Amino acid sequence: MHPQILSIPISLPSFTDLHSFYDIDPKAIDHLSTLLDGPQPKLIRIGVKNKGCAGMAYNLDYVNQLGQEIKVLIDSRALFSIIGSTMDWQESKLGNKFVFDNPNIKEECGCGESFLV
């Protein structure tokens, strides 16, 4: 059985529709919009999974779905763990990645890979 997923359709000009419980910074929006130039999929699922010393880690994966917009899904099991978070895109000489600022975190592991809310 597949987990229930909260689907939030987002057109590129109105990413702020998520602002009430989740925010996406402009750099992350720009990077997500580059997915429109590539082949499918155009649906991104944000979730958390049990991992690391602190207990949970963010998990991003692609979901195949036809459409003209990029959509971001919040896994219903992850929703309460990431409410109030901000997603950003960080570029450095060592690599590029999505980063999350989560005000609900009570503990983090030393490497920053996992967290506890």
C-alpha atoms as a PDB file:
ATOM      1  CA  MET A   1       0.000   0.000   0.000  1.00  0.00           C
ATOM      2  CA  HIS A   2       1.334   3.425  -0.920  1.00  0.00           C
ATOM      3  CA  PRO A   3       1.582   6.171   1.740  1.00  0.00           C
ATOM      4  CA  GLN A   4      -0.866   9.034   1.492  1.00  0.00           C
ATOM      5  CA  ILE A   5       0.697  12.117  -0.016  1.00  0.00           C
ATOM      6  CA  LEU A   6      -0.435  15.707   0.377  1.00  0.00           C
ATOM      7  CA  SER A   7      -0.239  17.166  -3.125  1.00  0.00           C
ATOM      8  CA  ILE A   8       0.282  20.901  -3.453  1.00  0.00           C
ATOM      9  CA  PRO A   9       0.272  22.064  -7.093  1.00  0.00           C
ATOM     10  CA  ILE A  10       2.548  25.058  -7.526  1.00  0.00           C
ATOM     11  CA  SER A  11       2.894  27.158 -10.638  1.00  0.00           C
ATOM     12  CA  LEU A  12       6.236  28.883 -10.943  1.00  0.00           C
ATOM     13  CA  PRO A  13       4.999  32.455 -10.344  1.00  0.00           C
ATOM     14  CA  SER A  14       3.216  31.532  -7.117  1.00  0.00           C
ATOM     15  CA  PHE A  15       5.576  29.400  -5.030  1.00  0.00           C
ATOM     16  CA  THR A  16       4.609  31.554  -2.037  1.00  0.00           C
ATOM     17  CA  ASP A  17       1.303  29.648  -1.815  1.00  0.00           C
ATOM     18  CA  LEU A  18       3.187  27.288   0.519  1.00  0.00           C
ATOM     19  CA  HIS A  19       4.189  30.144   2.834  1.00  0.00           C
ATOM     20  CA  SER A  20       1.640  29.268   5.489  1.00  0.00           C
ATOM     21  CA  PHE A  21       3.531  26.127   6.486  1.00  0.00           C
ATOM     22  CA  TYR A  22       6.554  25.771   4.210  1.00  0.00           C
ATOM     23  CA  ASP A  23       8.682  28.280   2.312  1.00  0.00           C
ATOM     24  CA  ILE A  24      10.933  27.897  -0.711  1.00  0.00           C
ATOM     25  CA  ASP A  25      13.681  30.500  -1.181  1.00  0.00           C
ATOM     26  CA  PRO A  26      14.266  32.117  -4.598  1.00  0.00           C
ATOM     27  CA  LYS A  27      17.469  30.136  -5.288  1.00  0.00           C
ATOM     28  CA  ALA A  28      15.613  26.877  -4.711  1.00  0.00           C
ATOM     29  CA  ILE A  29      12.759  28.086  -6.943  1.00  0.00           C
ATOM     30  CA  ASP A  30      15.255  28.888  -9.698  1.00  0.00           C
ATOM     31  CA  HIS A  31      16.792  25.438  -9.439  1.00  0.00           C
ATOM     32  CA  LEU A  32      13.390  23.739  -9.389  1.00  0.00           C
ATOM     33  CA  SER A  33      12.378  25.716 -12.479  1.00  0.00           C
ATOM     34  CA  THR A  34      15.340  24.271 -14.415  1.00  0.00           C
ATOM     35  CA  LEU A  35      13.537  20.950 -14.175  1.00  0.00           C
ATOM     36  CA  LEU A  36      11.047  22.303 -16.718  1.00  0.00           C
ATOM     37  CA  ASP A  37      13.797  22.210 -19.335  1.00  0.00           C
ATOM     38  CA  GLY A  38      14.544  18.545 -18.701  1.00  0.00           C
ATOM     39  CA  PRO A  39      12.582  15.394 -19.389  1.00  0.00           C
ATOM     40  CA  GLN A  40       9.939  14.130 -16.995  1.00  0.00           C
ATOM     41  CA  PRO A  41       9.457  13.838 -14.050  1.00  0.00           C
ATOM     42  CA  LYS A  42       8.250  17.265 -12.945  1.00  0.00           C
ATOM     43  CA  LEU A  43       6.966  16.288  -9.545  1.00  0.00           C
ATOM     44  CA  ILE A  44       9.185  16.429  -6.460  1.00  0.00           C
ATOM     45  CA  ARG A  45       8.265  14.765  -3.191  1.00  0.00           C
ATOM     46  CA  ILE A  46       9.722  16.168   0.046  1.00  0.00           C
ATOM     47  CA  GLY A  47       9.702  13.797   2.966  1.00  0.00           C
ATOM     48  CA  VAL A  48      11.664  12.598   5.942  1.00  0.00           C
ATOM     49  CA  LYS A  49      13.009   9.144   6.662  1.00  0.00           C
ATOM     50  CA  ASN A  50      14.591   7.431   9.640  1.00  0.00           C
ATOM     51  CA  LYS A  51      18.317   7.937   9.222  1.00  0.00           C
ATOM     52  CA  GLY A  52      21.467   9.032  10.993  1.00  0.00           C
ATOM     53  CA  CYS A  53      22.344   9.520  14.656  1.00  0.00           C
ATOM     54  CA  ALA A  54      19.608  12.062  15.394  1.00  0.00           C
ATOM     55  CA  GLY A  55      16.766  10.027  13.912  1.00  0.00           C
ATOM     56  CA  MET A  56      15.400  11.694  10.747  1.00  0.00           C
ATOM     57  CA  ALA A  57      16.761  13.106   7.500  1.00  0.00           C
ATOM     58  CA  TYR A  58      15.160  15.012   4.636  1.00  0.00           C
ATOM     59  CA  ASN A  59      14.399  12.952   1.582  1.00  0.00           C
ATOM     60  CA  LEU A  60      13.761  14.356  -1.897  1.00  0.00           C
ATOM     61  CA  ASP A  61      12.722  12.135  -4.744  1.00  0.00           C
ATOM     62  CA  TYR A  62      11.166  12.462  -8.154  1.00  0.00           C
ATOM     63  CA  VAL A  63       7.707  11.208  -9.004  1.00  0.00           C
ATOM     64  CA  ASN A  64       6.705  10.589 -12.604  1.00  0.00           C
ATOM     65  CA  GLN A  65       3.685  12.611 -13.623  1.00  0.00           C
ATOM     66  CA  LEU A  66       2.843  14.439 -16.816  1.00  0.00           C
ATOM     67  CA  GLY A  67       2.152  18.128 -16.620  1.00  0.00           C
ATOM     68  CA  GLN A  68       3.351  21.603 -17.511  1.00  0.00           C
ATOM     69  CA  GLU A  69       4.191  22.778 -13.988  1.00  0.00           C
ATOM     70  CA  ILE A  70       6.682  21.713 -11.391  1.00  0.00           C
ATOM     71  CA  LYS A  71       4.814  20.413  -8.386  1.00  0.00           C
ATOM     72  CA  VAL A  72       6.105  19.845  -4.892  1.00  0.00           C
ATOM     73  CA  LEU A  73       4.542  17.111  -2.789  1.00  0.00           C
ATOM     74  CA  ILE A  74       4.836  17.024   0.971  1.00  0.00           C
ATOM     75  CA  ASP A  75       4.619  13.455   2.235  1.00  0.00           C
ATOM     76  CA  SER A  76       1.808  13.446   4.810  1.00  0.00           C
ATOM     77  CA  ARG A  77       4.054  11.547   7.262  1.00  0.00           C
ATOM     78  CA  ALA A  78       6.631  14.352   7.037  1.00  0.00           C
ATOM     79  CA  LEU A  79       4.286  17.330   7.247  1.00  0.00           C
ATOM     80  CA  PHE A  80       4.470  17.917  11.000  1.00  0.00           C
ATOM     81  CA  SER A  81       8.249  17.451  10.960  1.00  0.00           C
ATOM     82  CA  ILE A  82       8.800  20.231   8.431  1.00  0.00           C
ATOM     83  CA  ILE A  83       6.091  22.812   9.167  1.00  0.00           C
ATOM     84  CA  GLY A  84       7.649  26.275   9.188  1.00  0.00           C
ATOM     85  CA  SER A  85      10.754  25.126   7.306  1.00  0.00           C
ATOM     86  CA  THR A  86      12.464  26.961   4.479  1.00  0.00           C
ATOM     87  CA  MET A  87      13.974  25.103   1.536  1.00  0.00           C
ATOM     88  CA  ASP A  88      16.911  26.738  -0.258  1.00  0.00           C
ATOM     89  CA  TRP A  89      19.433  25.810  -2.956  1.00  0.00           C
ATOM     90  CA  GLN A  90      23.082  26.112  -1.915  1.00  0.00           C
ATOM     91  CA  GLU A  91      25.996  26.160  -4.341  1.00  0.00           C
ATOM     92  CA  SER A  92      29.607  25.740  -3.265  1.00  0.00           C
ATOM     93  CA  LYS A  93      32.903  24.538  -4.700  1.00  0.00           C
ATOM     94  CA  LEU A  94      32.331  21.178  -3.015  1.00  0.00           C
ATOM     95  CA  GLY A  95      28.873  20.616  -4.465  1.00  0.00           C
ATOM     96  CA  ASN A  96      25.330  21.866  -4.842  1.00  0.00           C
ATOM     97  CA  LYS A  97      22.370  20.775  -2.743  1.00  0.00           C
ATOM     98  CA  PHE A  98      19.011  21.672  -1.300  1.00  0.00           C
ATOM     99  CA  VAL A  99      19.270  22.835   2.314  1.00  0.00           C
ATOM    100  CA  PHE A 100      16.532  23.175   4.910  1.00  0.00           C
ATOM    101  CA  ASP A 101      16.125  25.654   7.755  1.00  0.00           C
ATOM    102  CA  ASN A 102      13.731  23.992  10.190  1.00  0.00           C
ATOM    103  CA  PRO A 103      12.754  25.938  13.348  1.00  0.00           C
ATOM    104  CA  ASN A 104      11.305  22.752  14.895  1.00  0.00           C
ATOM    105  CA  ILE A 105      14.624  20.912  15.214  1.00  0.00           C
ATOM    106  CA  LYS A 106      15.491  20.015  18.793  1.00  0.00           C
ATOM    107  CA  GLU A 107      18.656  17.989  18.027  1.00  0.00           C
ATOM    108  CA  GLU A 108      20.988  17.551  15.068  1.00  0.00           C
ATOM    109  CA  CYS A 109      23.805  15.118  14.492  1.00  0.00           C
ATOM    110  CA  GLY A 110      27.302  16.568  14.171  1.00  0.00           C
ATOM    111  CA  CYS A 111      27.466  16.153  10.407  1.00  0.00           C
ATOM    112  CA  GLY A 112      24.083  17.848   9.895  1.00  0.00           C
ATOM    113  CA  GLU A 113      22.602  14.916   7.981  1.00  0.00           C
ATOM    114  CA  SER A 114      19.886  14.010  10.469  1.00  0.00           C
ATOM    115  CA  PHE A 115      17.696  15.779  13.005  1.00  0.00           C
ATOM    116  CA  LEU A 116      15.084  15.271  15.702  1.00  0.00           C
ATOM    117  CA  VAL A 117      11.917  17.335  16.176  1.00  0.00           C
END
